[in-house]
Amino acid sequence: MLHTILHKMGFIVLCMMIFMLCGCEASFISLHEYSKNNSFLFDSGGNIIKASDALPPDNPPSDIKIEITDRGEYKVVWKDFSCRGAPGDRVFPVYDSEEFMYFLTEKDSDYMQVMVWDRKQKIIRRYPHGNREAAAVIASGTKLHGIQYDGDVFTCDYFTPEFQEMDQKLRSHYQTDNLLWKDHSPDGKQWLVELFFCEKPSLSVLCDMRTEKWSELSGPCSYKPDLTQKKEVFRFIASDGQEVSGILSFPPARYGTRNLPLVVFPHGGPQSRSMRIFDPRVEQLTRNGFLVFQPNYRGSTGQGKHFRQAGWGAEGIKRALADIAEGTENLIKKGYADRGRIAILGGSWGAYCALAAAMLYPDLFRAVTAFFGPSDLVGMLHEFLPESGANPNLDRLQYGNIDDPVISEKFKKISPLYNVDKIEAPVLVYHFQQDTVISFQQSERFVALMKASGKKICFFSGPGKHGFPDSAAEVSAYERAIDFFRDAFRK
């Protein structure tokens, strides 16, 4: 299955692979689930099908082998080629043809870059990246049309004029600076492009590279955007001198308004990032009057290997939590946010960040909401649940030997389960019983200890896995979180 998916899905598969190999789920709702009902792919006959129908149910043998060695090295073996990175350096194949094999790697580079193995000449070529994080190639047959880069928005470098011209036409027509080439027909003449916006859901279009025309595939969108809402990149200098950024989203008609109630919304992963892109969860918060800050803290992707690995280990996680708190303090100092009305919310690893930030900075956050997250890092690193993506060799590199009492003690000090006495804010927790990414028992134990300590905590559970069963359940949970925050701010 992997070979077929790689050939068809490019960047989406890269995200899936990063999730599978890097620990916690990349986010409790992945970036491309925002428009999953509007996403299309091509089958082998060139017919358009829904993305949800594109993945076969079974796992047939693949000629691609991806391993993590006992030293934490990514190792890829593909037909006549093999490559491994230094410990912790990511290496992913993304496209294969008869003549070339393209892969992304951090080997000998701070940023993920594209390299190509020329099968005939038996040489490797690199493509300059300019301190940008390569995310996918735009390729069909033996032709490389461009490279896509990850950041606050998606950007592209083009090598064929027809693709650059189509890019410019789409950006100009739809008034967006953010698009992603996702798939192509077997003959390479038709391409699926997803256009992203700040104020409304994404749109899928089918581009005919022969006629230079396109048609919309997503159909009419019932969502009515409010164009008075604004979304921008917020940058600040952390206490150690590192520039850190995040996405700042304003309530409708409130851009530039001072002293707003703030919801800090750290992403999951932690090896993921937030982008300047429409997010229905953020939209629900801003439409209810909240300023929303999504920090790309130490450990996030898209900002280079050193930034990502700076979030490793107990000290790296503490540094990431400091980034979240210091970004919040910067928003208060600049007058964006009201110090008396600061809440924090997250899912999966973002839920851990929310709980741990409230634990380490009790005077900063007035309320916490945690969806499906760990509260015990020691327990999480021993669990290896079937869908967690945990890998013991990577875990040893990223976290150290958790069986070492010294290291274990460091992780206990930043685990909310062992420090409920330091949490002053009221906490709202959601966790479903069949979660196979983060164990339901984590939240059960945490809630029990919070109650025994006399802390204010609300707990919602029931049947379900790592995420909400449908959009209605998610909207309902966020409405409950909004009421929870407002109640906390009144006290």
Protein backbone atom coordinates (compact mmCIF):
# COMPACT_ATOMS: atom_id res chain seq x y z
CA MET A 1 0.00 0.00 0.00
CA LEU A 2 2.79 2.42 0.84
CA HIS A 3 4.15 2.53 -2.73
CA THR A 4 0.69 3.27 -4.16
CA ILE A 5 -0.08 5.92 -1.59
CA LEU A 6 3.29 7.64 -1.99
CA HIS A 7 2.83 7.74 -5.72
CA LYS A 8 -0.62 9.30 -5.36
CA MET A 9 -0.73 11.42 -2.23
CA GLY A 10 2.60 13.23 -1.87
CA PHE A 11 2.36 15.68 0.97
CA ILE A 12 -0.58 13.97 2.70
CA VAL A 13 1.43 10.77 2.95
CA LEU A 14 4.41 12.66 4.29
CA CYS A 15 2.19 13.97 7.11
CA MET A 16 0.93 10.43 7.78
CA MET A 17 4.47 9.06 7.87
CA ILE A 18 5.66 11.77 10.23
CA PHE A 19 2.72 10.91 12.49
CA MET A 20 3.53 7.20 12.38
CA LEU A 21 7.21 7.66 13.16
CA CYS A 22 7.29 10.59 15.55
CA GLY A 23 5.21 9.64 18.59
CA CYS A 24 1.89 11.27 19.50
CA GLU A 25 -0.63 11.96 16.79
CA ALA A 26 0.33 15.03 14.79
CA SER A 27 -2.84 16.77 15.91
CA PHE A 28 -6.15 15.56 17.25
CA ILE A 29 -7.56 16.78 13.94
CA SER A 30 -4.98 16.71 11.17
CA LEU A 31 -4.61 19.63 8.81
CA HIS A 32 -6.16 17.85 5.86
CA GLU A 33 -9.19 16.58 7.78
CA TYR A 34 -10.53 20.14 7.75
CA SER A 35 -11.68 19.53 4.18
CA LYS A 36 -11.81 15.75 4.02
CA ASN A 37 -15.31 15.75 2.52
CA ASN A 38 -14.15 18.14 -0.20
CA SER A 39 -10.91 16.33 -1.09
CA PHE A 40 -10.51 14.28 -4.24
CA LEU A 41 -7.89 11.96 -5.70
CA PHE A 42 -7.44 10.10 -8.97
CA ASP A 43 -7.67 6.34 -9.31
CA SER A 44 -5.47 4.34 -11.71
CA GLY A 45 -7.95 4.92 -14.52
CA GLY A 46 -7.85 8.70 -14.14
CA ASN A 47 -11.28 8.91 -12.52
CA ILE A 48 -11.88 11.38 -9.70
CA ILE A 49 -12.72 9.74 -6.39
CA LYS A 50 -13.05 10.98 -2.82
CA ALA A 51 -9.91 10.91 -0.75
CA SER A 52 -11.69 8.82 1.88
CA ASP A 53 -12.26 6.13 -0.76
CA ALA A 54 -8.70 6.17 -2.13
CA LEU A 55 -6.96 4.06 0.48
CA PRO A 56 -7.31 0.29 0.05
CA PRO A 57 -8.46 -1.60 3.16
CA ASP A 58 -5.58 -4.08 3.10
CA ASN A 59 -1.82 -3.70 3.26
CA PRO A 60 -0.30 -5.49 0.26
CA PRO A 61 3.48 -5.92 0.14
CA SER A 62 5.54 -2.84 -0.71
CA ASP A 63 9.01 -2.50 -2.17
CA ILE A 64 9.69 0.46 0.12
CA LYS A 65 11.21 -0.32 3.48
CA ILE A 66 11.31 2.29 6.21
CA GLU A 67 13.05 1.44 9.46
CA ILE A 68 14.21 3.15 12.61
CA THR A 69 17.54 1.65 13.65
CA ASP A 70 18.50 1.01 17.25
CA ARG A 71 20.43 4.31 17.16
CA GLY A 72 17.32 6.27 16.18
CA GLU A 73 18.30 6.60 12.52
CA TYR A 74 15.68 6.77 9.76
CA LYS A 75 16.63 4.21 7.12
CA VAL A 76 14.92 3.99 3.74
CA VAL A 77 15.58 1.17 1.28
CA TRP A 78 13.87 1.51 -2.09
CA LYS A 79 14.71 -0.87 -4.93
CA ASP A 80 18.34 -0.13 -5.87
CA PHE A 81 18.84 2.68 -3.34
CA SER A 82 19.24 3.05 0.40
CA CYS A 83 19.71 6.10 2.60
CA ARG A 84 19.90 6.69 6.30
CA GLY A 85 20.15 9.91 8.27
CA ALA A 86 22.08 10.72 11.38
CA PRO A 87 20.23 9.79 14.59
CA GLY A 88 17.00 11.79 14.65
CA ASP A 89 17.35 13.14 11.09
CA ARG A 90 14.16 12.45 9.16
CA VAL A 91 14.34 10.71 5.78
CA PHE A 92 11.17 10.06 3.70
CA PRO A 93 10.70 8.88 0.11
CA VAL A 94 8.04 10.93 -1.70
CA TYR A 95 8.05 10.01 -5.41
CA ASP A 96 9.40 7.23 -7.59
CA SER A 97 9.74 6.91 -11.36
CA GLU A 98 11.67 4.66 -13.71
CA GLU A 99 14.63 7.05 -13.76
CA PHE A 100 14.49 8.94 -10.46
CA MET A 101 13.63 8.49 -6.80
CA TYR A 102 12.87 11.67 -4.83
CA PHE A 103 13.12 11.83 -1.08
CA LEU A 104 13.10 14.41 1.70
CA THR A 105 15.89 14.41 4.23
CA GLU A 106 17.49 16.44 7.00
CA LYS A 107 20.79 14.67 6.45
CA ASP A 108 23.60 17.27 6.39
CA SER A 109 21.00 20.05 6.58
CA ASP A 110 19.09 21.95 9.23
CA TYR A 111 16.00 22.11 7.02
CA MET A 112 14.26 19.26 5.23
CA GLN A 113 15.49 19.30 1.64
CA VAL A 114 14.76 17.42 -1.58
CA MET A 115 17.32 14.98 -2.89
CA VAL A 116 17.00 12.82 -5.98
CA TRP A 117 18.63 9.49 -6.78
CA ASP A 118 19.40 9.21 -10.50
CA ARG A 119 19.15 5.49 -11.16
CA LYS A 120 20.93 5.58 -14.51
CA GLN A 121 23.87 7.75 -13.53
CA LYS A 122 23.96 6.42 -9.97
CA ILE A 123 24.33 9.90 -8.46
CA ILE A 124 22.48 11.98 -5.88
CA ARG A 125 21.48 15.58 -6.59
CA ARG A 126 20.32 18.12 -4.03
CA TYR A 127 17.96 21.05 -4.52
CA PRO A 128 18.72 24.32 -2.66
CA HIS A 129 16.10 25.12 -0.06
CA GLY A 130 17.03 28.57 1.28
CA ASN A 131 16.28 27.74 4.91
CA ARG A 132 12.80 26.49 4.09
CA GLU A 133 11.23 23.16 5.02
CA ALA A 134 10.58 21.09 1.89
CA ALA A 135 7.28 19.22 2.19
CA ALA A 136 6.66 17.53 -1.17
CA VAL A 137 7.64 17.40 -4.81
CA ILE A 138 5.37 18.25 -7.74
CA ALA A 139 6.31 15.46 -10.14
CA SER A 140 4.79 13.28 -12.84
CA GLY A 141 6.53 10.61 -14.87
CA THR A 142 10.19 11.58 -15.08
CA LYS A 143 9.50 15.32 -14.82
CA LEU A 144 10.01 17.42 -11.69
CA HIS A 145 7.75 20.46 -11.96
CA GLY A 146 8.42 21.98 -8.56
CA ILE A 147 9.01 21.67 -4.83
CA GLN A 148 6.52 22.61 -2.12
CA TYR A 149 7.60 24.08 1.21
CA ASP A 150 5.96 24.09 4.63
CA GLY A 151 5.71 27.21 6.79
CA ASP A 152 3.09 29.68 7.95
CA VAL A 153 1.66 29.04 4.46
CA PHE A 154 2.64 26.62 1.66
CA THR A 155 5.10 28.03 -0.89
CA CYS A 156 6.46 26.57 -4.14
CA ASP A 157 9.52 26.74 -6.37
CA TYR A 158 8.73 25.87 -9.99
CA PHE A 159 10.92 24.37 -12.71
CA THR A 160 8.36 24.30 -15.55
CA PRO A 161 6.62 27.53 -16.70
CA GLU A 162 3.14 26.04 -17.15
CA PHE A 163 2.95 25.15 -13.45
CA GLN A 164 4.18 28.56 -12.35
CA GLU A 165 1.66 30.26 -14.63
CA MET A 166 -1.20 28.10 -13.31
CA ASP A 167 -0.12 28.89 -9.76
CA GLN A 168 -0.23 32.63 -10.47
CA LYS A 169 -3.64 32.39 -12.14
CA LEU A 170 -5.14 30.46 -9.22
CA ARG A 171 -3.70 32.77 -6.57
CA SER A 172 -4.92 35.84 -8.45
CA HIS A 173 -8.41 34.47 -9.17
CA TYR A 174 -9.08 33.15 -5.67
CA GLN A 175 -7.15 35.85 -3.79
CA THR A 176 -5.05 33.47 -1.73
CA ASP A 177 -1.33 33.09 -1.09
CA ASN A 178 -1.67 29.46 0.00
CA LEU A 179 -2.15 26.42 -2.22
CA LEU A 180 -1.03 22.81 -2.41
CA TRP A 181 -0.53 20.55 -5.47
CA LYS A 182 -1.87 17.20 -4.26
CA ASP A 183 -2.31 14.63 -7.02
CA HIS A 184 -2.33 14.07 -10.78
CA SER A 185 -3.94 11.85 -13.38
CA PRO A 186 -1.85 8.96 -14.74
CA ASP A 187 -0.88 10.95 -17.86
CA GLY A 188 0.16 13.98 -15.79
CA LYS A 189 -2.16 16.32 -17.71
CA GLN A 190 -4.71 16.95 -14.97
CA TRP A 191 -3.81 18.05 -11.47
CA LEU A 192 -5.70 18.40 -8.24
CA VAL A 193 -4.90 21.59 -6.33
CA GLU A 194 -6.21 22.55 -2.89
CA LEU A 195 -6.55 26.26 -2.17
CA PHE A 196 -6.43 27.40 1.45
CA PHE A 197 -7.90 30.55 2.94
CA CYS A 198 -7.86 32.32 6.29
CA GLU A 199 -11.59 33.00 6.48
CA LYS A 200 -13.26 29.97 4.87
CA PRO A 201 -12.74 26.22 4.25
CA SER A 202 -10.36 25.08 1.52
CA LEU A 203 -11.41 24.56 -2.09
CA SER A 204 -10.33 21.74 -4.43
CA VAL A 205 -9.92 22.51 -8.13
CA LEU A 206 -9.05 20.30 -11.09
CA CYS A 207 -6.50 21.93 -13.40
CA ASP A 208 -6.08 20.91 -17.04
CA MET A 209 -2.47 21.75 -17.88
CA ARG A 210 -3.17 21.45 -21.63
CA THR A 211 -5.98 24.03 -21.79
CA GLU A 212 -4.72 26.09 -18.81
CA LYS A 213 -8.22 26.01 -17.34
CA TRP A 214 -9.65 24.59 -14.14
CA SER A 215 -12.95 23.54 -12.59
CA GLU A 216 -14.07 23.54 -8.97
CA LEU A 217 -14.65 20.11 -7.44
CA SER A 218 -15.70 20.92 -3.91
CA GLY A 219 -19.16 22.13 -4.77
CA PRO A 220 -21.00 24.98 -3.06
CA CYS A 221 -19.90 25.73 0.49
CA SER A 222 -22.67 26.45 3.01
CA TYR A 223 -20.19 28.23 5.28
CA LYS A 224 -20.65 31.99 5.33
CA PRO A 225 -17.30 33.65 6.03
CA ASP A 226 -17.06 36.85 8.02
CA LEU A 227 -14.40 38.87 6.21
CA THR A 228 -13.92 41.15 9.22
CA GLN A 229 -12.01 38.34 10.94
CA LYS A 230 -8.23 38.67 10.66
CA LYS A 231 -5.44 36.14 11.07
CA GLU A 232 -1.75 37.06 11.25
CA VAL A 233 1.65 35.68 12.22
CA PHE A 234 2.77 36.89 15.65
CA ARG A 235 6.51 36.80 16.40
CA PHE A 236 8.36 37.38 19.65
CA ILE A 237 11.82 36.87 21.11
CA ALA A 238 11.93 34.22 23.83
CA SER A 239 13.98 34.66 27.00
CA ASP A 240 16.89 32.68 25.51
CA GLY A 241 17.05 34.92 22.42
CA GLN A 242 15.29 32.54 19.98
CA GLU A 243 12.59 34.00 17.75
CA VAL A 244 9.33 32.09 18.16
CA SER A 245 6.14 32.63 16.20
CA GLY A 246 2.52 31.62 16.23
CA ILE A 247 -0.79 32.32 14.55
CA LEU A 248 -2.98 35.04 16.03
CA SER A 249 -6.69 35.04 15.10
CA PHE A 250 -8.99 37.93 15.98
CA PRO A 251 -12.73 37.95 16.67
CA PRO A 252 -14.94 39.44 13.91
CA ALA A 253 -14.64 43.22 13.60
CA ARG A 254 -12.20 43.30 16.51
CA TYR A 255 -8.84 43.53 14.69
CA GLY A 256 -6.56 45.81 16.66
CA THR A 257 -8.87 45.81 19.69
CA ARG A 258 -6.98 45.78 22.97
CA ASN A 259 -7.37 43.65 26.11
CA LEU A 260 -9.37 40.82 24.57
CA PRO A 261 -10.11 37.51 26.29
CA LEU A 262 -7.50 35.06 25.01
CA VAL A 263 -7.49 31.32 24.32
CA VAL A 264 -3.99 29.89 23.88
CA PHE A 265 -4.24 26.87 21.57
CA PRO A 266 -1.00 24.82 21.33
CA HIS A 267 -0.96 22.25 18.52
CA GLY A 268 -0.53 18.50 18.98
CA GLY A 269 2.38 16.39 17.87
CA PRO A 270 4.57 17.91 19.16
CA GLN A 271 6.28 17.52 15.76
CA SER A 272 3.63 19.45 13.84
CA ARG A 273 2.80 23.14 13.43
CA SER A 274 -0.05 25.62 13.16
CA MET A 275 -0.50 27.51 9.89
CA ARG A 276 -2.20 30.71 8.77
CA ILE A 277 -5.14 28.76 7.50
CA PHE A 278 -8.84 28.36 8.21
CA ASP A 279 -9.46 26.15 11.25
CA PRO A 280 -13.09 25.53 12.24
CA ARG A 281 -12.13 25.09 15.90
CA VAL A 282 -10.39 28.46 15.98
CA GLU A 283 -13.30 29.97 14.07
CA GLN A 284 -15.73 28.78 16.72
CA LEU A 285 -13.63 30.44 19.41
CA THR A 286 -13.17 33.76 17.59
CA ARG A 287 -16.86 34.00 16.69
CA ASN A 288 -17.55 33.79 20.41
CA GLY A 289 -15.34 36.82 21.06
CA PHE A 290 -11.99 35.21 21.89
CA LEU A 291 -8.59 36.15 20.56
CA VAL A 292 -6.80 32.86 19.73
CA PHE A 293 -3.04 32.29 19.83
CA GLN A 294 -1.55 29.12 18.31
CA PRO A 295 2.15 29.08 19.27
CA ASN A 296 4.68 27.12 17.22
CA TYR A 297 6.80 26.34 20.23
CA ARG A 298 10.17 24.56 20.38
CA GLY A 299 9.68 21.07 18.95
CA SER A 300 7.43 22.28 16.10
CA THR A 301 8.21 21.49 12.48
CA GLY A 302 8.76 23.88 9.59
CA GLN A 303 11.51 25.87 11.31
CA GLY A 304 14.47 23.57 10.93
CA LYS A 305 15.89 20.50 12.61
CA HIS A 306 17.57 22.37 15.45
CA PHE A 307 14.35 24.13 16.39
CA ARG A 308 12.46 20.82 16.26
CA GLN A 309 15.03 18.93 18.31
CA ALA A 310 15.27 21.78 20.81
CA GLY A 311 11.95 20.48 22.14
CA TRP A 312 13.36 17.04 22.96
CA GLY A 313 13.93 15.64 26.43
CA ALA A 314 12.56 16.94 29.70
CA GLU A 315 14.49 20.21 29.40
CA GLY A 316 13.34 20.68 25.80
CA ILE A 317 9.71 20.16 26.80
CA LYS A 318 10.12 22.70 29.60
CA ARG A 319 11.57 25.10 27.02
CA ALA A 320 8.55 24.52 24.76
CA LEU A 321 6.18 25.25 27.66
CA ALA A 322 8.17 28.41 28.37
CA ASP A 323 7.68 29.44 24.74
CA ILE A 324 3.93 29.08 25.19
CA ALA A 325 3.93 31.11 28.41
CA GLU A 326 6.31 33.79 27.11
CA GLY A 327 4.28 34.21 23.94
CA THR A 328 1.20 34.72 26.09
CA GLU A 329 3.04 37.28 28.24
CA ASN A 330 4.10 39.14 25.09
CA LEU A 331 0.48 39.38 23.97
CA ILE A 332 -0.47 40.80 27.35
CA LYS A 333 2.40 43.32 27.34
CA LYS A 334 1.52 44.49 23.83
CA GLY A 335 -2.06 45.05 24.95
CA TYR A 336 -3.69 42.37 22.84
CA ALA A 337 -4.90 40.25 25.76
CA ASP A 338 -6.48 40.88 29.15
CA ARG A 339 -4.36 39.23 31.86
CA GLY A 340 -7.45 38.35 33.88
CA ARG A 341 -9.05 36.43 30.99
CA ILE A 342 -6.48 33.93 29.69
CA ALA A 343 -7.45 30.30 29.01
CA ILE A 344 -5.52 27.46 27.40
CA LEU A 345 -6.89 24.59 25.31
CA GLY A 346 -5.38 21.70 23.36
CA GLY A 347 -5.83 18.18 22.02
CA SER A 348 -3.51 15.16 22.23
CA TRP A 349 0.00 16.55 22.89
CA GLY A 350 -1.58 20.00 22.87
CA ALA A 351 -3.72 18.86 25.80
CA TYR A 352 -0.56 17.93 27.68
CA CYS A 353 0.83 21.39 26.90
CA ALA A 354 -2.35 22.99 28.24
CA LEU A 355 -2.26 21.04 31.52
CA ALA A 356 1.50 21.39 32.01
CA ALA A 357 1.55 25.11 31.22
CA ALA A 358 -1.19 25.67 33.79
CA MET A 359 0.86 23.61 36.25
CA LEU A 360 4.12 25.53 35.68
CA TYR A 361 2.52 28.98 35.26
CA PRO A 362 -0.48 28.94 37.62
CA ASP A 363 -0.74 32.75 37.77
CA LEU A 364 -1.07 33.07 34.00
CA PHE A 365 -3.94 30.77 33.00
CA ARG A 366 -7.45 31.10 34.44
CA ALA A 367 -8.97 27.96 32.87
CA VAL A 368 -7.83 24.81 31.03
CA THR A 369 -9.45 22.44 28.55
CA ALA A 370 -7.69 19.19 27.60
CA PHE A 371 -8.95 16.84 24.88
CA PHE A 372 -7.57 13.26 24.84
CA GLY A 373 -4.15 14.17 26.21
CA PRO A 374 -1.49 12.60 28.44
CA SER A 375 -0.99 13.84 31.99
CA ASP A 376 1.74 11.30 32.86
CA LEU A 377 4.73 11.38 30.48
CA VAL A 378 6.41 8.47 32.23
CA GLY A 379 3.30 6.34 31.75
CA MET A 380 2.90 7.50 28.14
CA LEU A 381 6.46 6.47 27.27
CA HIS A 382 5.83 2.98 28.65
CA GLU A 383 2.49 2.41 26.92
CA PHE A 384 3.21 1.87 23.19
CA LEU A 385 -0.46 1.79 22.28
CA PRO A 386 -1.28 0.38 18.80
CA GLU A 387 -2.06 3.71 17.10
CA SER A 388 0.30 5.97 19.04
CA GLY A 389 3.07 5.77 16.45
CA ALA A 390 5.54 5.28 19.30
CA ASN A 391 8.91 3.81 18.40
CA PRO A 392 11.26 2.68 21.20
CA ASN A 393 14.42 3.64 19.30
CA LEU A 394 13.17 7.14 18.54
CA ASP A 395 11.82 7.52 22.08
CA ARG A 396 15.23 6.76 23.57
CA LEU A 397 16.76 9.41 21.34
CA GLN A 398 14.00 11.97 21.85
CA TYR A 399 13.32 11.46 25.56
CA GLY A 400 16.24 9.43 26.91
CA ASN A 401 16.04 6.15 28.81
CA ILE A 402 12.82 6.55 30.74
CA ASP A 403 13.80 3.56 32.93
CA ASP A 404 16.72 5.60 34.30
CA PRO A 405 15.48 6.90 37.69
CA VAL A 406 17.13 10.30 37.15
CA ILE A 407 15.44 10.80 33.75
CA SER A 408 12.16 9.40 35.02
CA GLU A 409 12.16 11.89 37.89
CA LYS A 410 12.70 14.79 35.46
CA PHE A 411 9.65 13.74 33.49
CA LYS A 412 7.57 13.37 36.64
CA LYS A 413 8.36 17.00 37.48
CA ILE A 414 6.73 18.14 34.24
CA SER A 415 3.84 15.66 34.37
CA PRO A 416 0.55 17.13 35.68
CA LEU A 417 -0.42 13.77 37.23
CA TYR A 418 2.36 14.12 39.82
CA ASN A 419 1.81 17.83 40.42
CA VAL A 420 -1.92 18.39 40.80
CA ASP A 421 -1.23 20.54 43.86
CA LYS A 422 0.37 23.15 41.55
CA ILE A 423 -2.71 23.49 39.32
CA GLU A 424 -4.90 26.38 40.43
CA ALA A 425 -7.14 26.86 37.39
CA PRO A 426 -10.35 24.88 36.86
CA VAL A 427 -9.87 22.07 34.33
CA LEU A 428 -12.22 20.56 31.74
CA VAL A 429 -11.14 17.12 30.43
CA TYR A 430 -12.48 15.02 27.56
CA HIS A 431 -11.21 11.49 27.01
CA PHE A 432 -12.90 8.51 25.37
CA GLN A 433 -12.61 4.96 26.63
CA GLN A 434 -11.30 3.17 23.51
CA ASP A 435 -8.48 5.65 22.84
CA THR A 436 -5.57 3.73 21.26
CA VAL A 437 -3.21 6.71 21.05
CA ILE A 438 -3.27 7.99 24.65
CA SER A 439 -4.74 5.65 27.23
CA PHE A 440 -8.07 6.58 28.79
CA GLN A 441 -6.63 5.54 32.17
CA GLN A 442 -4.28 8.54 32.06
CA SER A 443 -7.19 10.93 32.38
CA GLU A 444 -9.02 8.67 34.84
CA ARG A 445 -6.08 8.76 37.25
CA PHE A 446 -5.53 12.49 36.76
CA VAL A 447 -9.20 13.36 37.37
CA ALA A 448 -9.30 11.17 40.48
CA LEU A 449 -6.24 12.90 41.96
CA MET A 450 -7.62 16.36 41.12
CA LYS A 451 -10.89 15.53 42.88
CA ALA A 452 -9.07 14.07 45.88
CA SER A 453 -7.08 17.30 46.15
CA GLY A 454 -10.21 19.41 46.08
CA LYS A 455 -9.47 20.92 42.69
CA LYS A 456 -12.22 22.03 40.32
CA ILE A 457 -12.42 19.57 37.43
CA CYS A 458 -15.09 18.48 34.94
CA PHE A 459 -14.70 15.16 33.15
CA PHE A 460 -16.53 13.95 30.04
CA SER A 461 -15.98 10.43 28.74
CA GLY A 462 -17.80 7.60 27.04
CA PRO A 463 -17.30 5.24 24.11
CA GLY A 464 -14.96 6.51 21.41
CA LYS A 465 -11.37 6.76 20.26
CA HIS A 466 -8.72 9.49 19.92
CA GLY A 467 -10.89 12.28 18.60
CA PHE A 468 -14.50 13.28 18.32
CA PRO A 469 -16.84 10.86 16.49
CA ASP A 470 -18.26 13.62 14.27
CA SER A 471 -18.31 17.37 13.75
CA ALA A 472 -21.48 17.81 15.83
CA ALA A 473 -19.80 16.25 18.86
CA GLU A 474 -16.76 18.45 18.36
CA VAL A 475 -18.82 21.63 18.06
CA SER A 476 -20.68 20.67 21.23
CA ALA A 477 -17.41 20.09 23.12
CA TYR A 478 -16.07 23.47 22.07
CA GLU A 479 -19.31 25.15 23.10
CA ARG A 480 -18.91 23.55 26.50
CA ALA A 481 -15.28 24.76 26.67
CA ILE A 482 -16.39 28.30 25.76
CA ASP A 483 -18.99 28.32 28.56
CA PHE A 484 -16.38 26.85 30.90
CA PHE A 485 -13.94 29.67 30.10
CA ARG A 486 -16.53 32.39 30.48
CA ASP A 487 -17.60 31.01 33.84
CA ALA A 488 -13.97 30.94 35.03
CA PHE A 489 -13.35 34.52 33.89
CA ARG A 490 -16.31 35.77 35.94
CA LYS A 491 -14.81 34.48 39.16
